[in-house]
Amino acid sequence: MIHLNVKGALLVGGLAAIGASLCCVAPLALLMLGVGGAWIANLTALEPYSPIFIGLTLLFLGLAFRKLYLAAPICAEGVACANPRVLKRQRLTFWFVATPALGLLATPWLAPLFY
């Protein structure tokens, strides 16, 4: 079984989301900055790996969600995780990471609207 803390799951989920959307976000960002040219077509080289990155993103964000909302925290008295403010901060951080990550995952379907 994978033992991963919330921070690790959020970090890996966020990185996987960036990897999943690199083929679409990078060209879109460059076009929005006014950079163009035939070489932009080469930025789609990571597109075949996009489903893998999407799966990893959803897996790790799901693990973080499970750990934050579904699993009861087991903490000894005086440990940081026993403090309710820490849990609240972790949940807030989760949504700050998950919202842009899910937005990045939606980029392949939304990007054609901007081209």
Protein backbone atom coordinates (compact mmCIF):
# COMPACT_ATOMS: atom_id res chain seq x y z
CA MET A 1 0.00 0.00 0.00
CA ILE A 2 1.21 3.49 -0.81
CA HIS A 3 1.95 5.53 2.30
CA LEU A 4 2.01 9.17 1.33
CA ASN A 5 1.39 12.23 3.43
CA VAL A 6 -0.92 15.00 2.31
CA LYS A 7 1.90 17.33 1.26
CA GLY A 8 3.50 14.63 -0.87
CA ALA A 9 0.22 13.71 -2.54
CA LEU A 10 -0.53 17.36 -3.31
CA LEU A 11 2.94 17.96 -4.70
CA VAL A 12 2.90 14.89 -6.92
CA GLY A 13 -0.67 15.61 -8.03
CA GLY A 14 0.20 19.18 -8.95
CA LEU A 15 3.32 18.15 -10.86
CA ALA A 16 1.41 15.45 -12.71
CA ALA A 17 -1.25 18.00 -13.69
CA ILE A 18 1.43 20.28 -15.08
CA GLY A 19 2.90 17.35 -17.00
CA ALA A 20 -0.51 16.36 -18.35
CA SER A 21 -1.26 19.82 -19.69
CA LEU A 22 2.22 20.77 -20.91
CA CYS A 23 1.38 19.82 -24.49
CA CYS A 24 -1.49 22.32 -24.56
CA VAL A 25 -0.69 24.98 -21.96
CA ALA A 26 2.83 25.80 -23.17
CA PRO A 27 1.81 26.58 -26.78
CA LEU A 28 -1.26 28.47 -25.59
CA ALA A 29 0.80 30.55 -23.16
CA LEU A 30 3.38 31.31 -25.84
CA LEU A 31 0.67 32.32 -28.30
CA MET A 32 -0.90 34.60 -25.70
CA LEU A 33 2.52 36.22 -25.24
CA GLY A 34 2.75 36.82 -28.99
CA VAL A 35 5.35 34.15 -29.67
CA GLY A 36 4.61 32.15 -32.79
CA GLY A 37 6.26 30.06 -35.42
CA ALA A 38 6.30 26.59 -36.88
CA TRP A 39 8.45 25.29 -34.01
CA ILE A 40 5.49 25.57 -31.61
CA ALA A 41 4.10 22.38 -33.19
CA ASN A 42 7.06 20.52 -31.66
CA LEU A 43 5.80 21.33 -28.17
CA THR A 44 3.16 18.62 -28.53
CA ALA A 45 5.76 15.86 -28.17
CA LEU A 46 4.50 15.02 -24.66
CA GLU A 47 0.89 14.57 -25.80
CA PRO A 48 1.06 10.74 -25.96
CA TYR A 49 1.94 10.71 -22.25
CA SER A 50 -0.95 12.95 -21.28
CA PRO A 51 -3.30 10.10 -20.22
CA ILE A 52 -0.62 8.77 -17.87
CA PHE A 53 -0.16 12.18 -16.28
CA ILE A 54 -3.93 12.68 -16.04
CA GLY A 55 -4.26 9.35 -14.25
CA LEU A 56 -1.44 10.20 -11.85
CA THR A 57 -2.97 13.60 -11.14
CA LEU A 58 -6.36 12.16 -10.34
CA LEU A 59 -4.81 9.35 -8.27
CA PHE A 60 -2.72 11.60 -6.05
CA LEU A 61 -5.36 14.29 -5.69
CA GLY A 62 -7.78 11.52 -4.75
CA LEU A 63 -5.33 10.18 -2.16
CA ALA A 64 -4.91 13.65 -0.68
CA PHE A 65 -8.69 14.16 -0.61
CA ARG A 66 -9.17 10.79 1.08
CA LYS A 67 -6.55 11.57 3.70
CA LEU A 68 -7.99 15.04 4.41
CA TYR A 69 -11.72 14.35 4.35
CA LEU A 70 -12.49 10.64 4.56
CA ALA A 71 -9.86 9.09 6.83
CA ALA A 72 -9.95 9.90 10.52
CA PRO A 73 -6.62 11.43 11.57
CA ILE A 74 -4.74 9.41 14.17
CA CYS A 75 -2.56 11.82 16.11
CA ALA A 76 -0.93 11.77 19.51
CA GLU A 77 -1.60 14.67 21.85
CA GLY A 78 0.76 17.58 21.26
CA VAL A 79 1.60 16.59 17.66
CA ALA A 80 0.98 19.16 14.93
CA CYS A 81 -1.70 17.08 13.22
CA ALA A 82 -3.79 17.12 16.43
CA ASN A 83 -4.23 20.88 16.01
CA PRO A 84 -7.48 21.64 14.10
CA ARG A 85 -5.87 24.73 12.54
CA VAL A 86 -3.29 22.51 10.83
CA LEU A 87 -6.05 20.37 9.27
CA LYS A 88 -7.90 23.49 8.14
CA ARG A 89 -4.71 24.86 6.56
CA GLN A 90 -4.05 21.54 4.82
CA ARG A 91 -7.58 21.47 3.41
CA LEU A 92 -7.21 25.04 2.17
CA THR A 93 -3.89 24.16 0.56
CA PHE A 94 -5.52 21.14 -1.06
CA TRP A 95 -8.12 23.31 -2.77
CA PHE A 96 -5.47 25.88 -3.81
CA VAL A 97 -3.59 23.04 -5.54
CA ALA A 98 -6.55 20.98 -6.79
CA THR A 99 -8.45 23.84 -8.46
CA PRO A 100 -5.64 24.93 -10.82
CA ALA A 101 -4.61 21.30 -11.33
CA LEU A 102 -8.11 20.35 -12.48
CA GLY A 103 -8.15 23.50 -14.61
CA LEU A 104 -4.92 22.42 -16.24
CA LEU A 105 -6.42 18.99 -16.92
CA ALA A 106 -9.35 20.67 -18.69
CA THR A 107 -7.01 22.70 -20.91
CA PRO A 108 -7.00 20.28 -23.88
CA TRP A 109 -10.76 20.70 -24.16
CA LEU A 110 -10.77 24.45 -23.48
CA ALA A 111 -7.68 25.45 -25.51
CA PRO A 112 -9.40 25.21 -28.93
CA LEU A 113 -11.74 27.99 -27.81
CA PHE A 114 -8.75 30.39 -27.73
CA TYR A 115 -7.08 29.43 -31.02
